[in-house]
């Protein structure tokens, strides 16, 4: 973009952009609708996270026997990686749009983003602590409030919100990516910058293998999850892939739109993405899976999502898949996705699981128990997320708009 053009940042669906009457008590502060196809994609990713956690909880409670349902559900574990890719796209787009004048804008972005993410997280964490784990001493919660819990070797019994590891990864990346973009700015050509980002992305699986070798991590699922999967330095390639998407979209958007105007290129990209999906869910032996996971976590998933997101972002008007994923109902559901993630595990553990016990004792088929559990969890999670949006998020956004107002359309709302 040499001639002044609309910033790619304005297009990202992860930026708040309220429309309608923002003063309405029951209205939503909706995500930007410039790229509506990503709303549907995010909702599908949220559902994939819900369903795998339904399987984990029911399996742990011995209400879901081994079989095709449990294996198939567990194989779809990679919904969270989409949010990492999109987070990289968001912050990378903002910094690219602001350019060398953008460090003041960076500070403003962080201030506004903090009002979007931190109040709801702190509220949910504090409420969950007081309602379900009051015996945990408050000093043990400090690492969770500071987004460093995965790096603190505390007894897992003192971790109130263990599933918030993903929020830690994103916060760490938000802090690191301005330095990355500053280093890229010292390079003199697109080729050099793309090569640097590509090498950084390729270092992700190498870092995971190095962690396993240097720390002598046993090749069992629990140890790999604890010491690699939830760590920022073991998961950063998805976030780097998002920055790559932002960079090529910012500098080569016209070429990408011309490329994906051709149906064969769109569907070729989708087909390659589908091939990555098959490689992720294909059954493997436990020994092979242990090694394959180090490539699948971040490397294969980021390729899969990049091949899916690029044509969605740059398809011509009327392409049916972006239109289907951009249908109006997806947008409010996607807006509440952050709250859904924060509340779904407690709801599954303390509400939905109790209903599942009753159905299991009544000898209902396992697939019915699983399906009803997923339905109840989704309905309750979105309902509670809506209440928290009205009671917590909107007041925080009101305060944000007064303490750190957006200077122009280039600054995310």
Protein backbone atom coordinates (compact mmCIF):
# COMPACT_ATOMS: atom_id res chain seq x y z
CA UNK A 1 0.00 0.00 0.00
CA UNK A 2 2.26 3.17 -1.37
CA UNK A 3 -0.76 5.24 -2.35
CA UNK A 4 -2.92 5.85 0.73
CA UNK A 5 -5.36 2.96 0.95
CA UNK A 6 -7.68 1.54 3.56
CA UNK A 7 -5.57 -0.04 6.27
CA UNK A 8 -5.62 -3.81 6.48
CA UNK A 9 -6.11 -3.38 10.21
CA UNK A 10 -9.57 -1.97 9.66
CA UNK A 11 -10.41 -5.23 7.90
CA UNK A 12 -9.57 -7.60 10.73
CA UNK A 13 -12.53 -9.21 12.49
CA UNK A 14 -10.72 -9.26 15.81
CA UNK A 15 -11.09 -5.51 16.26
CA UNK A 16 -14.04 -4.13 18.11
CA UNK A 17 -16.19 -1.82 16.02
CA UNK A 18 -19.56 -1.23 17.67
CA UNK A 19 -22.42 -0.35 15.39
CA UNK A 20 -26.04 0.42 16.05
CA UNK A 21 -26.68 2.30 19.28
CA UNK A 22 -23.62 1.73 21.50
CA UNK A 23 -25.56 3.05 24.48
CA UNK A 24 -28.12 0.25 24.33
CA UNK A 25 -27.83 -1.80 27.49
CA UNK A 26 -28.49 -5.13 25.78
CA UNK A 27 -26.62 -4.47 22.54
CA UNK A 28 -23.34 -6.15 21.65
CA UNK A 29 -20.09 -4.35 20.94
CA UNK A 30 -19.73 -6.27 17.71
CA UNK A 31 -16.49 -7.22 15.99
CA UNK A 32 -15.61 -5.44 12.79
CA UNK A 33 -17.43 -6.85 9.77
CA UNK A 34 -14.94 -6.03 7.01
CA UNK A 35 -13.93 -9.71 6.74
CA UNK A 36 -17.17 -11.45 7.76
CA UNK A 37 -16.04 -14.91 6.60
CA UNK A 38 -13.68 -15.09 9.56
CA UNK A 39 -16.62 -14.79 11.98
CA UNK A 40 -18.02 -18.13 10.91
CA UNK A 41 -14.57 -19.66 10.93
CA UNK A 42 -14.01 -18.52 14.50
CA UNK A 43 -17.36 -19.89 15.66
CA UNK A 44 -16.55 -23.28 14.15
CA UNK A 45 -13.21 -23.19 15.94
CA UNK A 46 -14.96 -22.39 19.23
CA UNK A 47 -17.32 -25.33 18.76
CA UNK A 48 -14.35 -27.60 18.04
CA UNK A 49 -12.79 -26.53 21.36
CA UNK A 50 -16.06 -27.16 23.20
CA UNK A 51 -16.55 -30.61 21.71
CA UNK A 52 -13.05 -31.83 22.54
CA UNK A 53 -13.42 -30.67 26.14
CA UNK A 54 -16.78 -32.44 26.37
CA UNK A 55 -14.95 -35.60 25.34
CA UNK A 56 -12.12 -35.04 27.83
CA UNK A 57 -14.49 -34.51 30.76
CA UNK A 58 -16.87 -37.36 29.90
CA UNK A 59 -13.96 -39.73 29.28
CA UNK A 60 -12.36 -38.79 32.59
CA UNK A 61 -15.67 -39.49 34.33
CA UNK A 62 -15.98 -42.83 32.50
CA UNK A 63 -19.15 -41.76 30.74
CA UNK A 64 -17.72 -42.00 27.24
CA UNK A 65 -16.25 -45.42 26.40
CA UNK A 66 -13.41 -45.94 23.95
CA UNK A 67 -14.55 -46.07 20.37
CA UNK A 68 -14.99 -44.12 17.17
CA UNK A 69 -16.81 -41.20 18.80
CA UNK A 70 -14.14 -40.59 21.42
CA UNK A 71 -11.29 -41.10 18.99
CA UNK A 72 -12.84 -38.85 16.34
CA UNK A 73 -13.64 -36.08 18.78
CA UNK A 74 -10.18 -36.20 20.38
CA UNK A 75 -8.57 -35.99 16.94
CA UNK A 76 -10.07 -32.51 16.41
CA UNK A 77 -7.86 -30.77 18.97
CA UNK A 78 -6.55 -27.87 16.88
CA UNK A 79 -9.29 -25.23 17.08
CA UNK A 80 -7.18 -23.09 19.41
CA UNK A 81 -4.45 -22.76 16.81
CA UNK A 82 -6.81 -20.75 14.62
CA UNK A 83 -7.07 -18.10 17.32
CA UNK A 84 -3.28 -17.90 17.52
CA UNK A 85 -3.05 -17.40 13.75
CA UNK A 86 -5.69 -14.67 13.86
CA UNK A 87 -4.01 -12.98 16.83
CA UNK A 88 -0.76 -12.81 14.88
CA UNK A 89 -2.70 -11.39 11.96
CA UNK A 90 -4.27 -8.71 14.18
CA UNK A 91 -1.17 -7.33 15.84
CA UNK A 92 0.94 -7.71 12.69
CA UNK A 93 -1.65 -5.82 10.64
CA UNK A 94 -1.80 -3.00 13.14
CA UNK A 95 1.95 -2.49 13.22
CA UNK A 96 2.27 -2.70 9.44
CA UNK A 97 -0.55 -0.21 8.98
CA UNK A 98 0.99 2.30 11.37
CA UNK A 99 4.47 2.00 9.84
CA UNK A 100 7.38 4.02 11.24
CA UNK A 101 4.99 6.51 12.84
CA UNK A 102 3.17 3.83 14.70
CA UNK A 103 4.77 3.44 18.12
CA UNK A 104 2.34 5.89 19.66
CA UNK A 105 -0.39 3.89 17.97
CA UNK A 106 1.11 0.70 19.41
CA UNK A 107 0.75 2.07 22.93
CA UNK A 108 -2.81 3.13 22.20
CA UNK A 109 -3.55 -0.30 20.78
CA UNK A 110 -2.24 -2.02 23.89
CA UNK A 111 -4.26 0.24 26.14
CA UNK A 112 -7.44 -0.41 24.19
CA UNK A 113 -6.76 -4.11 23.81
CA UNK A 114 -6.17 -4.40 27.55
CA UNK A 115 -9.62 -3.02 28.24
CA UNK A 116 -11.02 -5.62 25.85
CA UNK A 117 -9.30 -8.70 27.29
CA UNK A 118 -8.06 -8.17 30.85
CA UNK A 119 -11.20 -7.10 32.80
CA UNK A 120 -13.24 -10.11 31.69
CA UNK A 121 -10.36 -12.49 32.34
CA UNK A 122 -9.73 -11.07 35.81
CA UNK A 123 -13.44 -11.16 36.61
CA UNK A 124 -13.80 -14.78 35.46
CA UNK A 125 -10.64 -15.89 37.25
CA UNK A 126 -11.63 -14.21 40.52
CA UNK A 127 -15.19 -15.51 40.39
CA UNK A 128 -14.04 -19.03 39.62
CA UNK A 129 -11.57 -18.89 42.50
CA UNK A 130 -14.13 -17.71 45.04
CA UNK A 131 -16.94 -19.99 43.87
CA UNK A 132 -15.05 -23.23 43.22
CA UNK A 133 -11.56 -23.06 44.78
CA UNK A 134 -11.68 -20.77 47.83
CA UNK A 135 -9.16 -22.97 49.65
CA UNK A 136 -6.40 -21.86 47.24
CA UNK A 137 -4.40 -19.05 48.92
CA UNK A 138 -4.50 -15.84 46.91
CA UNK A 139 -0.68 -15.60 46.45
CA UNK A 140 -0.91 -18.78 44.39
CA UNK A 141 -3.10 -16.92 41.92
CA UNK A 142 -0.55 -14.20 41.20
CA UNK A 143 1.06 -16.12 38.30
CA UNK A 144 -2.37 -16.54 36.74
CA UNK A 145 -3.13 -12.83 37.03
CA UNK A 146 0.28 -12.07 35.48
CA UNK A 147 -0.18 -14.53 32.58
CA UNK A 148 2.84 -16.63 33.57
CA UNK A 149 1.19 -19.65 35.19
CA UNK A 150 2.56 -22.21 32.66
CA UNK A 151 6.09 -21.13 33.57
CA UNK A 152 5.66 -21.38 37.32
CA UNK A 153 6.20 -24.84 38.69
CA UNK A 154 3.27 -24.85 41.09
CA UNK A 155 1.11 -27.75 42.12
CA UNK A 156 -1.55 -28.14 39.46
CA UNK A 157 -4.06 -28.35 42.31
CA UNK A 158 -3.41 -24.66 43.01
CA UNK A 159 -4.10 -23.55 39.43
CA UNK A 160 -7.65 -22.19 39.26
CA UNK A 161 -7.87 -21.75 35.48
CA UNK A 162 -5.38 -24.17 33.85
CA UNK A 163 -7.01 -23.79 30.44
CA UNK A 164 -5.98 -20.10 30.39
CA UNK A 165 -2.54 -21.15 29.10
CA UNK A 166 -3.68 -20.04 25.64
CA UNK A 167 -4.35 -16.52 26.92
CA UNK A 168 -0.80 -16.47 28.30
CA UNK A 169 0.58 -17.41 24.88
CA UNK A 170 -1.31 -14.57 23.22
CA UNK A 171 -0.32 -11.98 25.82
CA UNK A 172 3.34 -12.94 25.54
CA UNK A 173 3.16 -12.61 21.80
CA UNK A 174 1.55 -9.18 22.02
CA UNK A 175 4.56 -8.08 24.04
CA UNK A 176 7.15 -9.64 21.70
CA UNK A 177 5.83 -8.84 18.24
CA UNK A 178 6.64 -5.08 18.24
CA UNK A 179 10.29 -6.03 18.72
CA UNK A 180 9.97 -8.54 15.88
CA UNK A 181 8.48 -5.90 13.59
CA UNK A 182 11.22 -3.43 14.52
CA UNK A 183 13.86 -6.00 13.60
CA UNK A 184 12.10 -6.72 10.31
CA UNK A 185 12.09 -3.00 9.58
CA UNK A 186 15.91 -3.07 9.50
CA UNK A 187 15.83 -5.43 6.54
CA UNK A 188 15.89 -3.76 3.15
CA UNK A 189 13.57 -5.86 0.97
CA UNK A 190 10.35 -7.85 0.98
CA UNK A 191 12.33 -10.94 0.11
CA UNK A 192 14.58 -10.56 3.15
CA UNK A 193 11.64 -9.92 5.49
CA UNK A 194 9.64 -12.84 4.16
CA UNK A 195 12.70 -15.07 4.45
CA UNK A 196 13.23 -13.97 8.05
CA UNK A 197 9.60 -14.65 8.96
CA UNK A 198 9.73 -17.98 7.16
CA UNK A 199 12.87 -19.06 9.00
CA UNK A 200 11.35 -17.99 12.31
CA UNK A 201 8.25 -20.03 11.50
CA UNK A 202 10.38 -23.06 10.57
CA UNK A 203 12.23 -22.78 13.87
CA UNK A 204 9.01 -23.65 15.73
CA UNK A 205 9.11 -27.43 15.22
CA UNK A 206 12.88 -27.39 15.71
CA UNK A 207 12.36 -25.65 19.05
CA UNK A 208 9.84 -28.29 20.10
CA UNK A 209 12.23 -31.10 19.19
CA UNK A 210 15.05 -29.33 21.02
CA UNK A 211 12.90 -28.97 24.13
CA UNK A 212 12.14 -32.67 24.11
CA UNK A 213 15.80 -33.56 23.69
CA UNK A 214 17.43 -31.02 26.03
CA UNK A 215 14.96 -31.52 28.86
CA UNK A 216 14.74 -35.26 28.30
CA UNK A 217 10.97 -35.06 28.32
CA UNK A 218 9.36 -38.50 28.35
CA UNK A 219 7.30 -39.24 25.26
CA UNK A 220 3.96 -39.51 26.97
CA UNK A 221 1.03 -37.25 26.22
CA UNK A 222 0.83 -35.62 29.65
CA UNK A 223 4.50 -34.62 29.76
CA UNK A 224 4.49 -33.31 26.19
CA UNK A 225 1.39 -31.26 26.95
CA UNK A 226 2.82 -29.84 30.18
CA UNK A 227 6.31 -28.97 28.98
CA UNK A 228 5.81 -28.17 25.28
CA UNK A 229 2.21 -27.72 24.16
CA UNK A 230 1.18 -24.98 26.60
CA UNK A 231 4.45 -23.05 26.46
CA UNK A 232 4.79 -19.90 24.40
CA UNK A 233 8.24 -20.95 23.17
CA UNK A 234 6.72 -24.21 22.00
CA UNK A 235 3.72 -22.69 20.20
CA UNK A 236 4.90 -19.48 18.55
CA UNK A 237 4.91 -20.68 14.93
CA UNK A 238 1.12 -20.27 14.67
CA UNK A 239 1.44 -16.65 15.76
CA UNK A 240 4.30 -16.05 13.33
CA UNK A 241 2.11 -17.53 10.59
CA UNK A 242 -0.48 -14.87 11.42
CA UNK A 243 2.14 -12.15 11.01
CA UNK A 244 3.07 -13.66 7.64
CA UNK A 245 -0.58 -13.48 6.60
CA UNK A 246 -0.68 -9.84 7.64
CA UNK A 247 2.53 -9.04 5.78
CA UNK A 248 1.55 -10.61 2.47
CA UNK A 249 -1.95 -9.15 2.73
CA UNK A 250 -0.59 -5.69 3.43
CA UNK A 251 2.02 -5.62 0.67
CA UNK A 252 0.66 -8.06 -1.92
CA UNK A 253 -3.10 -7.83 -1.43
CA UNK A 254 -3.84 -6.85 -5.03
CA UNK A 255 -1.92 -9.82 -6.36
CA UNK A 256 -3.65 -12.18 -3.97
CA UNK A 257 -7.06 -10.89 -4.99
CA UNK A 258 -6.17 -11.39 -8.65
CA UNK A 259 -4.89 -14.90 -7.89
CA UNK A 260 -7.91 -16.03 -5.89
CA UNK A 261 -10.31 -14.51 -8.37
CA UNK A 262 -9.60 -17.72 -10.28
CA UNK A 263 -11.68 -20.58 -8.94
CA UNK A 264 -9.00 -23.19 -9.44
CA UNK A 265 -6.60 -21.32 -7.16
CA UNK A 266 -9.24 -20.92 -4.46
CA UNK A 267 -10.21 -24.55 -4.49
CA UNK A 268 -6.63 -25.67 -4.85
CA UNK A 269 -5.81 -23.80 -1.65
CA UNK A 270 -8.83 -25.28 0.10
CA UNK A 271 -7.85 -28.78 -1.09
CA UNK A 272 -4.34 -28.43 0.33
CA UNK A 273 -5.84 -27.19 3.59
CA UNK A 274 -8.07 -30.26 3.63
CA UNK A 275 -5.03 -32.48 3.08
CA UNK A 276 -3.42 -30.94 6.17
CA UNK A 277 -6.63 -31.62 8.08
CA UNK A 278 -6.57 -35.28 7.06
CA UNK A 279 -2.96 -35.59 8.21
CA UNK A 280 -3.93 -34.18 11.61
CA UNK A 281 -6.88 -36.50 12.25
CA UNK A 282 -5.55 -39.67 10.59
CA UNK A 283 -5.14 -42.47 13.18
CA UNK A 284 -1.54 -43.20 14.10
CA UNK A 285 0.32 -45.45 16.51
CA UNK A 286 1.18 -43.91 19.86
CA UNK A 287 4.90 -43.95 19.11
CA UNK A 288 4.46 -42.23 15.75
CA UNK A 289 1.94 -39.77 17.21
CA UNK A 290 4.46 -38.65 19.86
CA UNK A 291 6.88 -37.53 17.14
CA UNK A 292 4.25 -36.27 14.72
CA UNK A 293 2.72 -34.00 17.36
CA UNK A 294 5.88 -31.90 17.43
CA UNK A 295 5.24 -31.07 13.78
CA UNK A 296 1.46 -30.96 14.03
CA UNK A 297 1.47 -28.46 16.91
CA UNK A 298 1.86 -25.21 15.08
CA UNK A 299 3.57 -26.28 11.86
CA UNK A 300 0.88 -28.31 10.10
CA UNK A 301 -1.94 -26.38 11.76
CA UNK A 302 -0.59 -22.99 10.68
CA UNK A 303 -0.17 -24.20 7.09
CA UNK A 304 -3.72 -25.56 7.17
CA UNK A 305 -5.20 -22.32 8.47
CA UNK A 306 -3.10 -20.10 6.19
CA UNK A 307 -4.28 -22.05 3.14
CA UNK A 308 -7.85 -21.62 4.36
CA UNK A 309 -7.72 -18.00 5.48
CA UNK A 310 -5.88 -16.55 2.47
CA UNK A 311 -8.63 -17.34 -0.07
CA UNK A 312 -11.32 -16.39 2.43
CA UNK A 313 -9.73 -12.95 2.85
CA UNK A 314 -9.07 -12.36 -0.84
CA UNK A 315 -11.90 -14.10 -2.69
CA UNK A 316 -14.05 -12.05 -5.07
CA UNK A 317 -17.58 -10.99 -4.07
CA UNK A 318 -20.07 -13.80 -4.49
CA UNK A 319 -17.74 -16.69 -3.69
CA UNK A 320 -20.01 -19.09 -1.84
CA UNK A 321 -17.72 -20.29 0.97
CA UNK A 322 -16.82 -16.80 2.27
CA UNK A 323 -20.50 -15.89 1.90
CA UNK A 324 -21.59 -18.91 3.93
CA UNK A 325 -19.06 -18.26 6.68
CA UNK A 326 -19.94 -14.57 6.63
CA UNK A 327 -23.68 -15.00 7.19
CA UNK A 328 -25.09 -12.51 9.70
CA UNK A 329 -25.72 -14.91 12.64
CA UNK A 330 -22.02 -15.74 12.91
CA UNK A 331 -20.99 -12.22 13.93
CA UNK A 332 -22.67 -11.95 17.36
CA UNK A 333 -21.65 -15.52 18.15
CA UNK A 334 -18.04 -14.71 17.27
CA UNK A 335 -18.19 -11.52 19.34
CA UNK A 336 -18.95 -13.59 22.44
CA UNK A 337 -16.29 -16.21 21.68
CA UNK A 338 -13.77 -14.91 24.23
CA UNK A 339 -16.32 -15.12 27.02
CA UNK A 340 -17.38 -18.59 25.87
CA UNK A 341 -13.80 -19.80 26.21
CA UNK A 342 -13.47 -18.36 29.72
CA UNK A 343 -16.63 -19.99 31.09
CA UNK A 344 -17.04 -23.28 29.22
CA UNK A 345 -14.77 -25.46 31.36
CA UNK A 346 -16.41 -24.50 34.70
CA UNK A 347 -19.84 -25.00 33.15
CA UNK A 348 -18.83 -28.42 31.86
CA UNK A 349 -17.34 -29.48 35.19
CA UNK A 350 -20.04 -28.16 37.50
CA UNK A 351 -23.26 -28.15 35.48
CA UNK A 352 -23.26 -30.15 32.27
CA UNK A 353 -21.40 -33.12 33.72
CA UNK A 354 -24.11 -33.54 36.37
CA UNK A 355 -26.77 -33.79 33.68
CA UNK A 356 -24.61 -36.29 31.81
CA UNK A 357 -24.41 -38.46 34.94
CA UNK A 358 -28.19 -38.68 35.01
CA UNK A 359 -28.39 -39.65 31.35
CA UNK A 360 -25.64 -42.23 31.81
CA UNK A 361 -27.38 -43.80 34.82
CA UNK A 362 -30.54 -43.97 32.72
CA UNK A 363 -28.48 -46.00 30.19
CA UNK A 364 -28.87 -43.55 27.35
CA UNK A 365 -26.51 -44.26 24.43
CA UNK A 366 -23.08 -42.68 24.77
CA UNK A 367 -23.44 -40.70 21.54
CA UNK A 368 -26.71 -39.18 22.81
CA UNK A 369 -25.11 -38.23 26.13
CA UNK A 370 -22.18 -36.67 24.26
CA UNK A 371 -24.40 -34.77 21.83
CA UNK A 372 -26.68 -33.41 24.54
CA UNK A 373 -23.67 -32.42 26.64
CA UNK A 374 -22.22 -30.45 23.73
CA UNK A 375 -25.57 -28.78 23.05
CA UNK A 376 -26.08 -27.81 26.71
CA UNK A 377 -22.49 -26.60 27.04
CA UNK A 378 -22.73 -24.42 23.93
CA UNK A 379 -26.09 -22.94 24.94
CA UNK A 380 -25.05 -22.23 28.52
CA UNK A 381 -21.61 -20.89 27.54
CA UNK A 382 -22.97 -18.41 25.01
CA UNK A 383 -25.73 -17.33 27.39
CA UNK A 384 -23.31 -16.69 30.24
CA UNK A 385 -20.84 -15.03 27.86
CA UNK A 386 -23.59 -12.66 26.77
CA UNK A 387 -24.38 -11.76 30.39
CA UNK A 388 -20.69 -11.12 31.09
CA UNK A 389 -20.43 -9.03 27.93
CA UNK A 390 -23.24 -6.79 29.11
CA UNK A 391 -22.15 -6.61 32.76
CA UNK A 392 -18.35 -6.59 32.46
CA UNK A 393 -17.10 -6.07 28.90
CA UNK A 394 -19.32 -3.17 27.88
CA UNK A 395 -18.56 -1.05 30.99
CA UNK A 396 -14.85 -1.74 30.40
CA UNK A 397 -15.21 -0.66 26.77
CA UNK A 398 -17.10 2.46 27.83
CA UNK A 399 -14.20 3.34 30.15
CA UNK A 400 -11.70 2.49 27.41
CA UNK A 401 -13.31 4.89 24.96
CA UNK A 402 -12.93 7.72 27.45
CA UNK A 403 -9.40 6.98 28.69
CA UNK A 404 -7.91 5.85 25.38
CA UNK A 405 -10.16 7.06 22.57
CA UNK A 406 -9.38 6.01 19.03
CA UNK A 407 -7.65 8.84 17.15
CA UNK A 408 -8.89 7.83 13.72
CA UNK A 409 -10.26 4.96 11.69
CA UNK A 410 -6.75 3.52 11.56
CA UNK A 411 -6.71 2.90 15.28
CA UNK A 412 -8.72 -0.17 16.35
CA UNK A 413 -11.86 0.55 18.29
